[in-house]
Amino acid sequence: MTGSLVVAADGLARCGWAGSDPEYLRYHDEEWGRPLHGDRPLFEKLVLEGFQAGLSWLTILRRRTAFRRAFAGFDIDAVAAFDDLDRGRLMADATIIRNRAKIEAAIGNARVMRDLVADDPGALDRLVWRFAPPPRTHPPASLADLPATTAASTALSAELKRHGLRFVGPTTMYALMQSAGLVDDHVAGCWRAAA
């Protein structure tokens, strides 16, 4: 595992996973652990976290612009309307991750989300945030103290699966909880831990 802290060229101490890649540093500083709300933004996170399974998050970050283009800006209704031509287009698009099962899951998950939020805007936001644990009183001491799953991520996974979503396992949902700010896992000594 990476050390718990890394000091970048700017002199700031950050969580060790941020390394020195500019995209990772920006993501760490501006997004990871900050509360994210809204059906569309959370749908995007769900899709991207599903595509990340088995890959590094940096791989996804570097392709996020391409994913946004390929998946119609993660507009739930637009993705839910994708057909066989869209599936073929996505499988041929070398700028994204071309995994048939993940593409099918993204489209299927959009259809579930469309039905969920059609008459109740904000329903996905409320569903996800219902599983946010109480805020920590102290930052984790080290990266070794961060779990891969929690009771909350397992419960969120089960609820999403109950609705029919795929690629939403407990580990993937804990990663979503970290990235969408349901939990703040910036470690002690990281400049963002107290922000």
N, C-alpha and C. Protein backbone atom coordinates (compact mmCIF):
# COMPACT_ATOMS: atom_id res chain seq x y z
N MET A 1 0.85 -1.19 0.00
CA MET A 1 0.00 0.00 0.00
C MET A 1 0.88 1.24 0.00
N THR A 2 0.40 2.27 -0.64
CA THR A 2 1.10 3.54 -0.67
C THR A 2 1.20 4.09 0.75
N GLY A 3 2.24 4.91 1.02
CA GLY A 3 2.34 5.55 2.32
C GLY A 3 1.10 6.38 2.59
N SER A 4 0.84 6.63 3.85
CA SER A 4 -0.38 7.35 4.21
C SER A 4 -0.39 8.79 3.72
N LEU A 5 0.79 9.40 3.60
CA LEU A 5 0.87 10.78 3.13
C LEU A 5 1.94 10.90 2.05
N VAL A 6 1.72 11.85 1.16
CA VAL A 6 2.70 12.20 0.14
C VAL A 6 2.74 13.72 0.11
N VAL A 7 3.94 14.26 -0.04
CA VAL A 7 4.09 15.71 -0.16
C VAL A 7 4.40 16.01 -1.62
N ALA A 8 3.52 16.75 -2.26
CA ALA A 8 3.67 17.08 -3.68
C ALA A 8 4.62 18.27 -3.85
N ALA A 9 4.89 18.59 -5.10
CA ALA A 9 5.81 19.68 -5.42
C ALA A 9 5.36 21.01 -4.83
N ASP A 10 4.05 21.17 -4.58
CA ASP A 10 3.55 22.42 -4.01
C ASP A 10 3.74 22.49 -2.49
N GLY A 11 4.31 21.43 -1.90
CA GLY A 11 4.59 21.41 -0.48
C GLY A 11 3.45 20.96 0.40
N LEU A 12 2.29 20.65 -0.19
CA LEU A 12 1.14 20.22 0.59
C LEU A 12 1.16 18.71 0.82
N ALA A 13 0.86 18.30 2.04
CA ALA A 13 0.73 16.88 2.36
C ALA A 13 -0.66 16.41 1.97
N ARG A 14 -0.71 15.29 1.27
CA ARG A 14 -1.98 14.72 0.81
C ARG A 14 -2.03 13.24 1.14
N CYS A 15 -3.22 12.67 1.04
CA CYS A 15 -3.39 11.23 1.19
C CYS A 15 -2.44 10.54 0.20
N GLY A 16 -1.78 9.49 0.64
CA GLY A 16 -0.74 8.85 -0.15
C GLY A 16 -1.17 8.35 -1.50
N TRP A 17 -2.44 7.98 -1.66
CA TRP A 17 -2.89 7.45 -2.95
C TRP A 17 -2.86 8.52 -4.05
N ALA A 18 -2.82 9.81 -3.67
CA ALA A 18 -2.83 10.87 -4.67
C ALA A 18 -1.54 10.92 -5.48
N GLY A 19 -0.45 10.40 -4.93
CA GLY A 19 0.81 10.33 -5.66
C GLY A 19 1.25 11.69 -6.18
N SER A 20 1.68 11.71 -7.46
CA SER A 20 2.17 12.97 -8.04
C SER A 20 1.49 13.29 -9.37
N ASP A 21 0.59 12.43 -9.83
CA ASP A 21 -0.09 12.70 -11.10
C ASP A 21 -0.99 13.92 -10.96
N PRO A 22 -0.87 14.89 -11.86
CA PRO A 22 -1.67 16.12 -11.74
C PRO A 22 -3.19 15.87 -11.68
N GLU A 23 -3.68 14.89 -12.44
CA GLU A 23 -5.12 14.61 -12.42
C GLU A 23 -5.56 14.05 -11.08
N TYR A 24 -4.73 13.15 -10.52
CA TYR A 24 -5.04 12.61 -9.19
C TYR A 24 -4.98 13.70 -8.13
N LEU A 25 -3.98 14.57 -8.21
CA LEU A 25 -3.86 15.66 -7.24
C LEU A 25 -5.08 16.58 -7.30
N ARG A 26 -5.50 16.95 -8.51
CA ARG A 26 -6.68 17.80 -8.66
C ARG A 26 -7.92 17.11 -8.10
N TYR A 27 -8.09 15.82 -8.44
CA TYR A 27 -9.24 15.06 -7.96
C TYR A 27 -9.23 15.00 -6.43
N HIS A 28 -8.09 14.68 -5.85
CA HIS A 28 -7.97 14.62 -4.40
C HIS A 28 -8.35 15.95 -3.76
N ASP A 29 -7.82 17.03 -4.32
CA ASP A 29 -8.01 18.35 -3.70
C ASP A 29 -9.41 18.92 -3.91
N GLU A 30 -10.01 18.65 -5.06
CA GLU A 30 -11.26 19.34 -5.42
C GLU A 30 -12.51 18.48 -5.34
N GLU A 31 -12.38 17.17 -5.37
CA GLU A 31 -13.59 16.33 -5.45
C GLU A 31 -13.70 15.29 -4.33
N TRP A 32 -12.67 14.48 -4.15
CA TRP A 32 -12.77 13.32 -3.28
C TRP A 32 -13.10 13.73 -1.85
N GLY A 33 -14.17 13.19 -1.33
CA GLY A 33 -14.58 13.48 0.03
C GLY A 33 -15.47 14.70 0.18
N ARG A 34 -15.75 15.40 -0.91
CA ARG A 34 -16.63 16.57 -0.84
C ARG A 34 -18.06 16.13 -1.19
N PRO A 35 -19.03 16.57 -0.42
CA PRO A 35 -20.41 16.15 -0.66
C PRO A 35 -20.89 16.46 -2.08
N LEU A 36 -21.42 15.43 -2.72
CA LEU A 36 -21.95 15.54 -4.08
C LEU A 36 -23.44 15.22 -4.03
N HIS A 37 -24.24 16.09 -4.61
CA HIS A 37 -25.69 15.89 -4.62
C HIS A 37 -26.22 16.01 -6.04
N GLY A 38 -27.42 15.47 -6.24
CA GLY A 38 -28.11 15.55 -7.53
C GLY A 38 -28.18 14.19 -8.19
N ASP A 39 -29.32 13.92 -8.81
CA ASP A 39 -29.51 12.62 -9.45
C ASP A 39 -28.50 12.38 -10.57
N ARG A 40 -28.30 13.37 -11.46
CA ARG A 40 -27.38 13.18 -12.57
C ARG A 40 -25.94 13.00 -12.10
N PRO A 41 -25.41 13.88 -11.22
CA PRO A 41 -24.03 13.68 -10.76
C PRO A 41 -23.83 12.34 -10.04
N LEU A 42 -24.80 11.92 -9.25
CA LEU A 42 -24.66 10.64 -8.55
C LEU A 42 -24.80 9.47 -9.51
N PHE A 43 -25.64 9.61 -10.54
CA PHE A 43 -25.72 8.57 -11.56
C PHE A 43 -24.37 8.45 -12.27
N GLU A 44 -23.75 9.58 -12.59
CA GLU A 44 -22.42 9.54 -13.21
C GLU A 44 -21.44 8.79 -12.32
N LYS A 45 -21.42 9.09 -11.04
CA LYS A 45 -20.51 8.40 -10.12
C LYS A 45 -20.80 6.90 -10.09
N LEU A 46 -22.08 6.54 -10.05
CA LEU A 46 -22.44 5.11 -10.06
C LEU A 46 -21.89 4.42 -11.29
N VAL A 47 -22.06 5.03 -12.45
CA VAL A 47 -21.59 4.43 -13.69
C VAL A 47 -20.07 4.34 -13.70
N LEU A 48 -19.41 5.44 -13.36
CA LEU A 48 -17.95 5.44 -13.40
C LEU A 48 -17.35 4.48 -12.37
N GLU A 49 -17.93 4.41 -11.20
CA GLU A 49 -17.43 3.45 -10.20
C GLU A 49 -17.62 2.02 -10.70
N GLY A 50 -18.72 1.76 -11.40
CA GLY A 50 -18.92 0.43 -11.98
C GLY A 50 -17.88 0.11 -13.03
N PHE A 51 -17.55 1.09 -13.88
CA PHE A 51 -16.52 0.88 -14.88
C PHE A 51 -15.14 0.72 -14.24
N GLN A 52 -14.94 1.32 -13.08
CA GLN A 52 -13.64 1.25 -12.42
C GLN A 52 -13.35 -0.13 -11.86
N ALA A 53 -14.36 -0.92 -11.56
CA ALA A 53 -14.15 -2.23 -10.94
C ALA A 53 -13.07 -3.01 -11.68
N GLY A 54 -12.01 -3.36 -10.94
CA GLY A 54 -10.90 -4.10 -11.50
C GLY A 54 -9.84 -3.24 -12.15
N LEU A 55 -10.03 -1.93 -12.17
CA LEU A 55 -9.08 -1.00 -12.78
C LEU A 55 -8.69 0.07 -11.76
N SER A 56 -7.72 0.89 -12.11
CA SER A 56 -7.36 2.00 -11.23
C SER A 56 -8.32 3.16 -11.47
N TRP A 57 -8.57 3.93 -10.43
CA TRP A 57 -9.44 5.09 -10.57
C TRP A 57 -8.81 6.12 -11.50
N LEU A 58 -7.48 6.18 -11.55
CA LEU A 58 -6.80 7.11 -12.44
C LEU A 58 -7.14 6.80 -13.90
N THR A 59 -7.28 5.52 -14.23
CA THR A 59 -7.68 5.14 -15.59
C THR A 59 -9.02 5.75 -15.94
N ILE A 60 -9.94 5.73 -15.00
CA ILE A 60 -11.27 6.29 -15.22
C ILE A 60 -11.20 7.82 -15.30
N LEU A 61 -10.46 8.43 -14.38
CA LEU A 61 -10.35 9.90 -14.40
C LEU A 61 -9.80 10.39 -15.73
N ARG A 62 -8.81 9.71 -16.25
CA ARG A 62 -8.21 10.14 -17.52
C ARG A 62 -9.18 9.99 -18.69
N ARG A 63 -10.20 9.17 -18.53
CA ARG A 63 -11.16 8.94 -19.61
C ARG A 63 -12.53 9.56 -19.30
N ARG A 64 -12.63 10.29 -18.22
CA ARG A 64 -13.94 10.80 -17.80
C ARG A 64 -14.57 11.70 -18.84
N THR A 65 -13.80 12.57 -19.49
CA THR A 65 -14.35 13.43 -20.53
C THR A 65 -14.92 12.58 -21.66
N ALA A 66 -14.20 11.53 -22.04
CA ALA A 66 -14.67 10.63 -23.09
C ALA A 66 -15.93 9.90 -22.64
N PHE A 67 -15.98 9.46 -21.39
CA PHE A 67 -17.18 8.81 -20.87
C PHE A 67 -18.37 9.77 -20.92
N ARG A 68 -18.14 11.00 -20.52
CA ARG A 68 -19.24 11.97 -20.54
C ARG A 68 -19.77 12.17 -21.95
N ARG A 69 -18.87 12.25 -22.92
CA ARG A 69 -19.30 12.39 -24.31
C ARG A 69 -20.05 11.14 -24.76
N ALA A 70 -19.48 9.98 -24.50
CA ALA A 70 -20.06 8.72 -24.96
C ALA A 70 -21.41 8.42 -24.31
N PHE A 71 -21.58 8.85 -23.06
CA PHE A 71 -22.80 8.58 -22.32
C PHE A 71 -23.68 9.82 -22.16
N ALA A 72 -23.69 10.67 -23.18
CA ALA A 72 -24.62 11.80 -23.26
C ALA A 72 -24.61 12.66 -22.00
N GLY A 73 -23.41 12.91 -21.47
CA GLY A 73 -23.31 13.74 -20.27
C GLY A 73 -23.94 13.09 -19.05
N PHE A 74 -24.15 11.78 -19.12
CA PHE A 74 -24.80 11.01 -18.06
C PHE A 74 -26.21 11.50 -17.77
N ASP A 75 -26.85 12.04 -18.80
CA ASP A 75 -28.27 12.36 -18.70
C ASP A 75 -29.02 11.03 -18.58
N ILE A 76 -29.72 10.86 -17.50
CA ILE A 76 -30.36 9.56 -17.20
C ILE A 76 -31.33 9.15 -18.30
N ASP A 77 -32.19 10.07 -18.74
CA ASP A 77 -33.15 9.73 -19.79
C ASP A 77 -32.47 9.36 -21.10
N ALA A 78 -31.42 10.10 -21.45
CA ALA A 78 -30.71 9.82 -22.70
C ALA A 78 -30.06 8.45 -22.67
N VAL A 79 -29.38 8.13 -21.57
CA VAL A 79 -28.71 6.83 -21.48
C VAL A 79 -29.75 5.70 -21.42
N ALA A 80 -30.85 5.93 -20.75
CA ALA A 80 -31.92 4.92 -20.68
C ALA A 80 -32.48 4.61 -22.06
N ALA A 81 -32.40 5.57 -22.97
CA ALA A 81 -32.93 5.38 -24.33
C ALA A 81 -31.92 4.74 -25.28
N PHE A 82 -30.70 4.46 -24.82
CA PHE A 82 -29.70 3.85 -25.69
C PHE A 82 -30.22 2.52 -26.22
N ASP A 83 -29.91 2.26 -27.50
CA ASP A 83 -30.38 1.03 -28.16
C ASP A 83 -29.17 0.24 -28.66
N ASP A 84 -29.44 -0.74 -29.52
CA ASP A 84 -28.37 -1.60 -30.02
C ASP A 84 -27.31 -0.81 -30.80
N LEU A 85 -27.73 0.23 -31.53
CA LEU A 85 -26.75 1.06 -32.23
C LEU A 85 -25.82 1.74 -31.24
N ASP A 86 -26.37 2.22 -30.15
CA ASP A 86 -25.55 2.85 -29.11
C ASP A 86 -24.61 1.84 -28.46
N ARG A 87 -25.12 0.65 -28.22
CA ARG A 87 -24.25 -0.40 -27.65
C ARG A 87 -23.07 -0.66 -28.57
N GLY A 88 -23.33 -0.78 -29.86
CA GLY A 88 -22.27 -0.99 -30.84
C GLY A 88 -21.30 0.18 -30.88
N ARG A 89 -21.83 1.39 -30.82
CA ARG A 89 -20.99 2.59 -30.80
C ARG A 89 -20.08 2.59 -29.58
N LEU A 90 -20.63 2.24 -28.43
CA LEU A 90 -19.83 2.22 -27.20
C LEU A 90 -18.77 1.13 -27.24
N MET A 91 -19.11 -0.03 -27.77
CA MET A 91 -18.14 -1.12 -27.86
C MET A 91 -17.01 -0.79 -28.83
N ALA A 92 -17.26 0.10 -29.77
CA ALA A 92 -16.24 0.48 -30.75
C ALA A 92 -15.44 1.71 -30.31
N ASP A 93 -15.81 2.32 -29.21
CA ASP A 93 -15.20 3.57 -28.76
C ASP A 93 -13.96 3.29 -27.91
N ALA A 94 -12.79 3.43 -28.50
CA ALA A 94 -11.53 3.14 -27.80
C ALA A 94 -11.19 4.18 -26.73
N THR A 95 -11.95 5.26 -26.65
CA THR A 95 -11.65 6.29 -25.65
C THR A 95 -12.28 5.98 -24.29
N ILE A 96 -13.13 4.97 -24.22
CA ILE A 96 -13.73 4.55 -22.95
C ILE A 96 -13.27 3.12 -22.64
N ILE A 97 -13.79 2.54 -21.59
CA ILE A 97 -13.53 1.14 -21.27
C ILE A 97 -14.57 0.32 -22.02
N ARG A 98 -14.13 -0.53 -22.93
CA ARG A 98 -15.05 -1.30 -23.77
C ARG A 98 -15.30 -2.67 -23.15
N ASN A 99 -16.14 -2.67 -22.16
CA ASN A 99 -16.51 -3.90 -21.46
C ASN A 99 -18.02 -4.06 -21.62
N ARG A 100 -18.41 -5.09 -22.35
CA ARG A 100 -19.83 -5.27 -22.68
C ARG A 100 -20.71 -5.34 -21.43
N ALA A 101 -20.29 -6.08 -20.42
CA ALA A 101 -21.11 -6.22 -19.22
C ALA A 101 -21.29 -4.87 -18.51
N LYS A 102 -20.23 -4.07 -18.47
CA LYS A 102 -20.32 -2.76 -17.82
C LYS A 102 -21.16 -1.79 -18.64
N ILE A 103 -21.06 -1.86 -19.94
CA ILE A 103 -21.89 -1.02 -20.81
C ILE A 103 -23.36 -1.38 -20.63
N GLU A 104 -23.65 -2.68 -20.65
CA GLU A 104 -25.04 -3.14 -20.44
C GLU A 104 -25.55 -2.70 -19.08
N ALA A 105 -24.70 -2.79 -18.06
CA ALA A 105 -25.12 -2.38 -16.72
C ALA A 105 -25.41 -0.89 -16.68
N ALA A 106 -24.58 -0.09 -17.33
CA ALA A 106 -24.81 1.37 -17.33
C ALA A 106 -26.15 1.71 -17.95
N ILE A 107 -26.47 1.07 -19.07
CA ILE A 107 -27.74 1.34 -19.75
C ILE A 107 -28.91 0.82 -18.91
N GLY A 108 -28.77 -0.40 -18.40
CA GLY A 108 -29.82 -0.96 -17.54
C GLY A 108 -30.03 -0.15 -16.28
N ASN A 109 -28.93 0.31 -15.67
CA ASN A 109 -29.03 1.13 -14.46
C ASN A 109 -29.71 2.46 -14.77
N ALA A 110 -29.44 3.01 -15.95
CA ALA A 110 -30.11 4.27 -16.33
C ALA A 110 -31.61 4.05 -16.44
N ARG A 111 -32.02 2.92 -16.95
CA ARG A 111 -33.46 2.64 -17.06
C ARG A 111 -34.11 2.53 -15.69
N VAL A 112 -33.40 1.90 -14.75
CA VAL A 112 -33.91 1.82 -13.38
C VAL A 112 -34.01 3.22 -12.78
N MET A 113 -32.95 4.00 -12.97
CA MET A 113 -32.92 5.35 -12.40
C MET A 113 -33.98 6.25 -13.04
N ARG A 114 -34.18 6.10 -14.34
CA ARG A 114 -35.23 6.89 -15.02
C ARG A 114 -36.57 6.64 -14.36
N ASP A 115 -36.87 5.38 -14.09
CA ASP A 115 -38.15 5.05 -13.46
C ASP A 115 -38.20 5.56 -12.02
N LEU A 116 -37.06 5.54 -11.35
CA LEU A 116 -37.01 5.98 -9.96
C LEU A 116 -37.25 7.48 -9.83
N VAL A 117 -36.62 8.25 -10.73
CA VAL A 117 -36.66 9.72 -10.57
C VAL A 117 -37.71 10.41 -11.44
N ALA A 118 -38.37 9.66 -12.34
CA ALA A 118 -39.31 10.28 -13.29
C ALA A 118 -40.37 11.12 -12.57
N ASP A 119 -40.99 10.57 -11.58
CA ASP A 119 -42.04 11.29 -10.85
C ASP A 119 -41.57 11.81 -9.50
N ASP A 120 -40.29 11.63 -9.24
CA ASP A 120 -39.75 12.02 -7.94
C ASP A 120 -38.31 12.51 -8.08
N PRO A 121 -38.11 13.67 -8.72
CA PRO A 121 -36.75 14.19 -8.85
C PRO A 121 -36.06 14.27 -7.49
N GLY A 122 -34.80 13.86 -7.47
CA GLY A 122 -34.05 13.83 -6.21
C GLY A 122 -34.10 12.50 -5.52
N ALA A 123 -34.85 11.55 -6.08
CA ALA A 123 -35.00 10.24 -5.42
C ALA A 123 -33.67 9.50 -5.31
N LEU A 124 -32.84 9.56 -6.35
CA LEU A 124 -31.54 8.88 -6.26
C LEU A 124 -30.67 9.55 -5.21
N ASP A 125 -30.66 10.87 -5.21
CA ASP A 125 -29.88 11.60 -4.21
C ASP A 125 -30.30 11.18 -2.80
N ARG A 126 -31.59 11.18 -2.55
CA ARG A 126 -32.08 10.82 -1.21
C ARG A 126 -31.76 9.37 -0.88
N LEU A 127 -31.90 8.48 -1.87
CA LEU A 127 -31.61 7.06 -1.63
C LEU A 127 -30.15 6.89 -1.22
N VAL A 128 -29.22 7.46 -1.98
CA VAL A 128 -27.80 7.30 -1.68
C VAL A 128 -27.45 7.93 -0.34
N TRP A 129 -27.89 9.16 -0.12
CA TRP A 129 -27.49 9.87 1.09
C TRP A 129 -28.14 9.32 2.36
N ARG A 130 -29.17 8.54 2.20
CA ARG A 130 -29.78 7.88 3.36
C ARG A 130 -28.77 6.96 4.05
N PHE A 131 -27.74 6.52 3.33
CA PHE A 131 -26.76 5.59 3.87
C PHE A 131 -25.48 6.26 4.36
N ALA A 132 -25.47 7.59 4.38
CA ALA A 132 -24.30 8.31 4.89
C ALA A 132 -24.18 8.09 6.40
N PRO A 133 -23.02 7.62 6.85
CA PRO A 133 -22.85 7.46 8.30
C PRO A 133 -22.63 8.82 8.97
N PRO A 134 -22.72 8.86 10.28
CA PRO A 134 -22.42 10.13 10.97
C PRO A 134 -20.99 10.58 10.65
N PRO A 135 -20.76 11.88 10.58
CA PRO A 135 -19.41 12.37 10.28
C PRO A 135 -18.39 11.89 11.33
N ARG A 136 -17.18 11.66 10.88
CA ARG A 136 -16.10 11.29 11.79
C ARG A 136 -15.78 12.47 12.71
N THR A 137 -15.36 12.15 13.92
CA THR A 137 -14.91 13.21 14.83
C THR A 137 -13.43 13.47 14.65
N HIS A 138 -12.68 12.48 14.12
CA HIS A 138 -11.25 12.61 13.86
C HIS A 138 -10.96 11.93 12.53
N PRO A 139 -10.00 12.45 11.77
CA PRO A 139 -9.65 11.77 10.51
C PRO A 139 -8.98 10.43 10.80
N PRO A 140 -9.05 9.50 9.85
CA PRO A 140 -8.35 8.23 10.03
C PRO A 140 -6.85 8.50 10.20
N ALA A 141 -6.19 7.70 11.03
CA ALA A 141 -4.77 7.90 11.30
C ALA A 141 -3.92 7.58 10.08
N SER A 142 -4.33 6.60 9.29
CA SER A 142 -3.53 6.19 8.13
C SER A 142 -4.42 5.54 7.09
N LEU A 143 -3.86 5.33 5.91
CA LEU A 143 -4.61 4.63 4.86
C LEU A 143 -4.96 3.22 5.28
N ALA A 144 -4.13 2.62 6.13
CA ALA A 144 -4.39 1.27 6.60
C ALA A 144 -5.68 1.20 7.43
N ASP A 145 -6.12 2.33 7.94
CA ASP A 145 -7.35 2.37 8.75
C ASP A 145 -8.62 2.47 7.91
N LEU A 146 -8.46 2.61 6.59
CA LEU A 146 -9.63 2.75 5.72
C LEU A 146 -10.15 1.37 5.33
N PRO A 147 -11.44 1.15 5.52
CA PRO A 147 -12.01 -0.16 5.16
C PRO A 147 -12.27 -0.25 3.65
N ALA A 148 -12.41 -1.47 3.17
CA ALA A 148 -12.83 -1.68 1.77
C ALA A 148 -14.34 -1.64 1.68
N THR A 149 -15.00 -2.08 2.74
CA THR A 149 -16.46 -2.06 2.82
C THR A 149 -16.85 -1.69 4.25
N THR A 150 -18.09 -1.28 4.39
CA THR A 150 -18.64 -1.00 5.72
C THR A 150 -20.07 -1.54 5.75
N ALA A 151 -20.66 -1.52 6.91
CA ALA A 151 -22.07 -1.93 7.00
C ALA A 151 -22.92 -1.00 6.14
N ALA A 152 -22.58 0.29 6.10
CA ALA A 152 -23.36 1.24 5.30
C ALA A 152 -23.20 0.97 3.81
N SER A 153 -21.98 0.67 3.35
CA SER A 153 -21.80 0.40 1.91
C SER A 153 -22.46 -0.91 1.51
N THR A 154 -22.45 -1.86 2.43
CA THR A 154 -23.13 -3.14 2.16
C THR A 154 -24.64 -2.94 2.08
N ALA A 155 -25.17 -2.10 2.97
CA ALA A 155 -26.60 -1.82 2.95
C ALA A 155 -26.99 -1.03 1.70
N LEU A 156 -26.18 -0.04 1.31
CA LEU A 156 -26.44 0.73 0.09
C LEU A 156 -26.41 -0.19 -1.12
N SER A 157 -25.42 -1.06 -1.18
CA SER A 157 -25.33 -2.03 -2.28
C SER A 157 -26.58 -2.89 -2.36
N ALA A 158 -27.01 -3.40 -1.22
CA ALA A 158 -28.20 -4.26 -1.20
C ALA A 158 -29.44 -3.50 -1.66
N GLU A 159 -29.56 -2.25 -1.25
CA GLU A 159 -30.73 -1.45 -1.65
C GLU A 159 -30.72 -1.18 -3.15
N LEU A 160 -29.56 -0.83 -3.69
CA LEU A 160 -29.47 -0.58 -5.12
C LEU A 160 -29.74 -1.87 -5.92
N LYS A 161 -29.21 -2.99 -5.44
CA LYS A 161 -29.48 -4.27 -6.11
C LYS A 161 -30.96 -4.61 -6.04
N ARG A 162 -31.59 -4.29 -4.92
CA ARG A 162 -33.03 -4.53 -4.78
C ARG A 162 -33.82 -3.78 -5.84
N HIS A 163 -33.32 -2.62 -6.22
CA HIS A 163 -33.95 -1.82 -7.28
C HIS A 163 -33.61 -2.35 -8.67
N GLY A 164 -32.62 -3.25 -8.75
CA GLY A 164 -32.26 -3.84 -10.04
C GLY A 164 -30.95 -3.34 -10.63
N LEU A 165 -30.16 -2.58 -9.88
CA LEU A 165 -28.90 -2.08 -10.40
C LEU A 165 -27.81 -3.16 -10.36
N ARG A 166 -26.86 -3.02 -11.29
CA ARG A 166 -25.72 -3.95 -11.37
C ARG A 166 -24.40 -3.18 -11.24
N PHE A 167 -23.35 -3.91 -10.92
CA PHE A 167 -22.02 -3.34 -10.67
C PHE A 167 -22.08 -2.33 -9.53
N VAL A 168 -22.77 -2.71 -8.47
CA VAL A 168 -22.93 -1.85 -7.30
C VAL A 168 -22.63 -2.64 -6.02
N GLY A 169 -21.57 -3.44 -6.06
CA GLY A 169 -21.19 -4.24 -4.89
C GLY A 169 -20.75 -3.37 -3.73
N PRO A 170 -20.60 -3.95 -2.54
CA PRO A 170 -20.24 -3.19 -1.34
C PRO A 170 -18.92 -2.43 -1.45
N THR A 171 -17.91 -3.01 -2.09
CA THR A 171 -16.63 -2.32 -2.25
C THR A 171 -16.77 -1.14 -3.20
N THR A 172 -17.47 -1.36 -4.29
CA THR A 172 -17.72 -0.28 -5.26
C THR A 172 -18.53 0.83 -4.61
N MET A 173 -19.49 0.46 -3.77
CA MET A 173 -20.30 1.49 -3.12
C MET A 173 -19.53 2.23 -2.04
N TYR A 174 -18.55 1.57 -1.40
CA TYR A 174 -17.74 2.32 -0.45
C TYR A 174 -16.87 3.33 -1.20
N ALA A 175 -16.35 2.94 -2.35
CA ALA A 175 -15.59 3.88 -3.18
C ALA A 175 -16.47 5.06 -3.58
N LEU A 176 -17.73 4.80 -3.93
CA LEU A 176 -18.65 5.89 -4.25
C LEU A 176 -18.88 6.77 -3.03
N MET A 177 -19.04 6.16 -1.87
CA MET A 177 -19.27 6.94 -0.65
C MET A 177 -18.08 7.86 -0.37
N GLN A 178 -16.86 7.38 -0.65
CA GLN A 178 -15.68 8.22 -0.48
C GLN A 178 -15.66 9.34 -1.51
N SER A 179 -15.87 8.98 -2.78
CA SER A 179 -15.74 9.97 -3.85
C SER A 179 -16.86 11.01 -3.81
N ALA A 180 -18.05 10.61 -3.35
CA ALA A 180 -19.18 11.54 -3.30
C ALA A 180 -19.34 12.21 -1.95
N GLY A 181 -18.39 11.99 -1.05
CA GLY A 181 -18.38 12.71 0.21
C GLY A 181 -19.34 12.23 1.26
N LEU A 182 -19.91 11.03 1.09
CA LEU A 182 -20.73 10.49 2.17
C LEU A 182 -19.85 10.18 3.38
N VAL A 183 -18.60 9.85 3.11
CA VAL A 183 -17.59 9.69 4.15
C VAL A 183 -16.40 10.57 3.76
N ASP A 184 -15.69 11.07 4.74
CA ASP A 184 -14.49 11.86 4.49
C ASP A 184 -13.32 11.04 5.02
N ASP A 185 -12.61 10.39 4.10
CA ASP A 185 -11.50 9.51 4.47
C ASP A 185 -10.13 10.14 4.25
N HIS A 186 -10.06 11.47 4.20
CA HIS A 186 -8.75 12.12 4.16
C HIS A 186 -8.05 11.81 5.49
N VAL A 187 -6.81 11.34 5.40
CA VAL A 187 -6.11 10.88 6.60
C VAL A 187 -5.49 12.03 7.37
N ALA A 188 -5.19 11.77 8.63
CA ALA A 188 -4.56 12.78 9.48
C ALA A 188 -3.26 13.27 8.84
N GLY A 189 -3.10 14.56 8.83
CA GLY A 189 -1.92 15.17 8.23
C GLY A 189 -2.15 15.65 6.81
N CYS A 190 -3.19 15.15 6.15
CA CYS A 190 -3.54 15.61 4.80
C CYS A 190 -4.11 17.01 4.92
N TRP A 191 -3.73 17.90 4.02
CA TRP A 191 -4.21 19.28 4.12
C TRP A 191 -5.72 19.37 3.99
N ARG A 192 -6.36 18.37 3.36
CA ARG A 192 -7.81 18.38 3.20
C ARG A 192 -8.53 17.75 4.39
N ALA A 193 -7.83 17.08 5.27
CA ALA A 193 -8.48 16.38 6.38
C ALA A 193 -9.27 17.34 7.26
N ALA A 194 -8.81 18.53 7.42
CA ALA A 194 -9.50 19.49 8.28
C ALA A 194 -10.34 20.48 7.49
N ALA A 195 -10.31 20.38 6.15
CA ALA A 195 -11.02 21.37 5.32
C ALA A 195 -12.50 21.09 5.28
